[in-house]
Amino acid sequence: MTVNKGKIINLDKKQQALALAMHLVSITYSVPIHELKAATRRKADIAFARQVAMYLAHVGIGLNLTQVAKSFERDRSTAAHACRLVEDLRDDAEFDGLIDLLERTLKSLTAAPEISRYPLKRKPPIPPKHRDSMNLH
């Protein structure tokens, strides 16, 4: 955990969300994760998938451009370019729908409820057929 401008940032959750974003983009564009994180240039289709992942990291997770650039072993200006490019391409309805779906999926998968907000008042019930096999009589 670190403090930035008076705000506490849980880097572990953001790192987990970043890994999840990379997986989502990897699956969507059929690009291996190691290609998204590669420090050297790649073919256009891989570079585009990386730009989408950078956009999700910035917009969907809330990483600043410097953090995004560092996560993908790129310069801050490269991360900014990726975000501008994806934002411009969102004028296309089909592409916008895909990015919206990726953002919503990322948000739903990273929005785990806090355990303390939902305390169990009693032990969860064990279904009868499992109770018998556990010898809990």
Protein backbone atom coordinates (compact mmCIF):
# COMPACT_ATOMS: atom_id res chain seq x y z
CA MET A 1 0.00 0.00 0.00
CA THR A 2 1.22 3.52 -0.77
CA VAL A 3 -0.03 7.05 -0.20
CA ASN A 4 -0.42 9.38 -3.19
CA LYS A 5 -1.68 12.95 -2.65
CA GLY A 6 -3.38 11.92 0.58
CA LYS A 7 -5.14 8.94 -1.01
CA ILE A 8 -4.33 5.39 -0.01
CA ILE A 9 -3.87 3.20 -3.07
CA ASN A 10 -3.99 -0.56 -2.79
CA LEU A 11 -1.45 -1.54 -5.42
CA ASP A 12 -2.22 -5.23 -5.02
CA LYS A 13 -5.80 -4.77 -6.21
CA LYS A 14 -4.71 -2.55 -9.08
CA GLN A 15 -2.03 -5.05 -10.11
CA GLN A 16 -4.61 -7.84 -10.02
CA ALA A 17 -6.99 -5.73 -12.09
CA LEU A 18 -4.20 -5.01 -14.58
CA ALA A 19 -3.48 -8.73 -14.95
CA LEU A 20 -7.19 -9.32 -15.47
CA ALA A 21 -7.37 -6.59 -18.12
CA MET A 22 -4.43 -8.17 -19.94
CA HIS A 23 -6.16 -11.56 -19.84
CA LEU A 24 -9.39 -10.09 -21.22
CA VAL A 25 -7.54 -8.39 -24.08
CA SER A 26 -5.45 -11.51 -24.68
CA ILE A 27 -8.58 -13.63 -25.06
CA THR A 28 -10.46 -11.02 -27.11
CA TYR A 29 -7.68 -10.46 -29.62
CA SER A 30 -6.03 -13.92 -29.45
CA VAL A 31 -2.69 -12.42 -28.46
CA PRO A 32 -0.51 -14.07 -25.80
CA ILE A 33 -0.03 -11.99 -22.66
CA HIS A 34 3.75 -12.08 -23.01
CA GLU A 35 3.33 -10.33 -26.38
CA LEU A 36 1.26 -7.57 -24.76
CA LYS A 37 4.03 -6.97 -22.23
CA ALA A 38 6.97 -7.39 -24.63
CA ALA A 39 9.42 -4.49 -24.50
CA THR A 40 10.08 -4.50 -28.23
CA ARG A 41 7.86 -3.61 -31.18
CA ARG A 42 5.50 -6.23 -32.55
CA LYS A 43 3.18 -6.65 -35.53
CA ALA A 44 0.29 -4.21 -35.92
CA ASP A 45 -2.36 -6.60 -34.55
CA ILE A 46 -0.32 -7.19 -31.39
CA ALA A 47 0.43 -3.47 -31.00
CA PHE A 48 -3.28 -2.68 -31.33
CA ALA A 49 -4.21 -5.26 -28.67
CA ARG A 50 -1.57 -3.70 -26.39
CA GLN A 51 -3.09 -0.25 -27.00
CA VAL A 52 -6.51 -1.55 -25.98
CA ALA A 53 -4.99 -3.09 -22.84
CA MET A 54 -3.28 0.23 -22.03
CA TYR A 55 -6.60 2.02 -22.47
CA LEU A 56 -8.34 -0.41 -20.12
CA ALA A 57 -5.56 0.02 -17.58
CA HIS A 58 -5.96 3.79 -17.67
CA VAL A 59 -9.73 4.20 -18.04
CA GLY A 60 -11.02 0.94 -16.59
CA ILE A 61 -8.64 0.57 -13.65
CA GLY A 62 -7.65 4.17 -13.07
CA LEU A 63 -3.90 3.85 -13.40
CA ASN A 64 -2.23 7.11 -14.38
CA LEU A 65 -0.38 7.20 -17.69
CA THR A 66 3.01 6.83 -16.01
CA GLN A 67 1.85 3.66 -14.24
CA VAL A 68 0.35 2.32 -17.47
CA ALA A 69 3.57 3.00 -19.37
CA LYS A 70 5.68 1.30 -16.71
CA SER A 71 3.38 -1.74 -16.65
CA PHE A 72 3.82 -2.23 -20.39
CA GLU A 73 7.50 -1.20 -20.49
CA ARG A 74 6.71 1.84 -22.61
CA ASP A 75 7.07 5.61 -22.38
CA ARG A 76 4.33 7.77 -20.92
CA SER A 77 3.81 9.38 -24.33
CA THR A 78 3.21 5.92 -25.86
CA ALA A 79 0.55 5.17 -23.23
CA ALA A 80 -1.07 8.56 -23.89
CA HIS A 81 -1.06 7.86 -27.65
CA ALA A 82 -2.68 4.45 -27.07
CA CYS A 83 -5.47 5.97 -24.98
CA ARG A 84 -6.12 8.76 -27.52
CA LEU A 85 -6.19 6.24 -30.37
CA VAL A 86 -8.67 3.91 -28.66
CA GLU A 87 -10.83 6.85 -27.59
CA ASP A 88 -10.92 8.13 -31.19
CA LEU A 89 -11.82 4.68 -32.51
CA ARG A 90 -14.78 4.51 -30.13
CA ASP A 91 -16.69 6.60 -32.68
CA ASP A 92 -17.28 3.26 -34.42
CA ALA A 93 -20.36 1.72 -32.76
CA GLU A 94 -19.16 -1.89 -33.00
CA PHE A 95 -15.74 -1.11 -31.54
CA ASP A 96 -17.31 1.07 -28.85
CA GLY A 97 -19.58 -1.84 -27.89
CA LEU A 98 -16.58 -4.15 -27.56
CA ILE A 99 -14.64 -1.69 -25.40
CA ASP A 100 -17.73 -1.06 -23.28
CA LEU A 101 -18.13 -4.81 -22.79
CA LEU A 102 -14.48 -5.16 -21.78
CA GLU A 103 -14.81 -2.25 -19.33
CA ARG A 104 -17.99 -3.66 -17.78
CA THR A 105 -16.48 -7.14 -17.52
CA LEU A 106 -13.35 -5.77 -15.88
CA LYS A 107 -15.40 -3.69 -13.48
CA SER A 108 -17.67 -6.57 -12.49
CA LEU A 109 -14.75 -8.96 -11.97
CA THR A 110 -12.78 -6.50 -9.85
CA ALA A 111 -15.70 -5.26 -7.75
CA ALA A 112 -15.49 -7.92 -5.05
CA PRO A 113 -17.56 -6.98 -1.99
CA GLU A 114 -15.74 -6.33 1.23
CA ILE A 115 -16.08 -9.35 3.48
CA SER A 116 -16.66 -7.25 6.58
CA ARG A 117 -19.74 -5.67 4.94
CA TYR A 118 -21.45 -9.05 4.71
CA PRO A 119 -20.70 -10.93 7.92
CA LEU A 120 -22.21 -14.37 8.30
CA LYS A 121 -24.56 -14.45 11.26
CA ARG A 122 -24.46 -18.23 11.33
CA LYS A 123 -22.67 -21.04 9.56
CA PRO A 124 -23.92 -21.69 6.04
CA PRO A 125 -26.17 -24.76 5.82
CA ILE A 126 -24.79 -28.03 4.51
CA PRO A 127 -27.13 -29.85 2.12
CA PRO A 128 -28.46 -33.15 3.61
CA LYS A 129 -26.77 -35.45 1.10
CA HIS A 130 -23.37 -33.87 1.90
CA ARG A 131 -24.07 -33.85 5.63
CA ASP A 132 -24.59 -37.62 5.59
CA SER A 133 -21.30 -38.24 3.79
CA MET A 134 -19.44 -36.04 6.30
CA ASN A 135 -20.64 -38.00 9.37
CA LEU A 136 -21.80 -34.88 11.22
CA HIS A 137 -24.55 -36.55 13.24
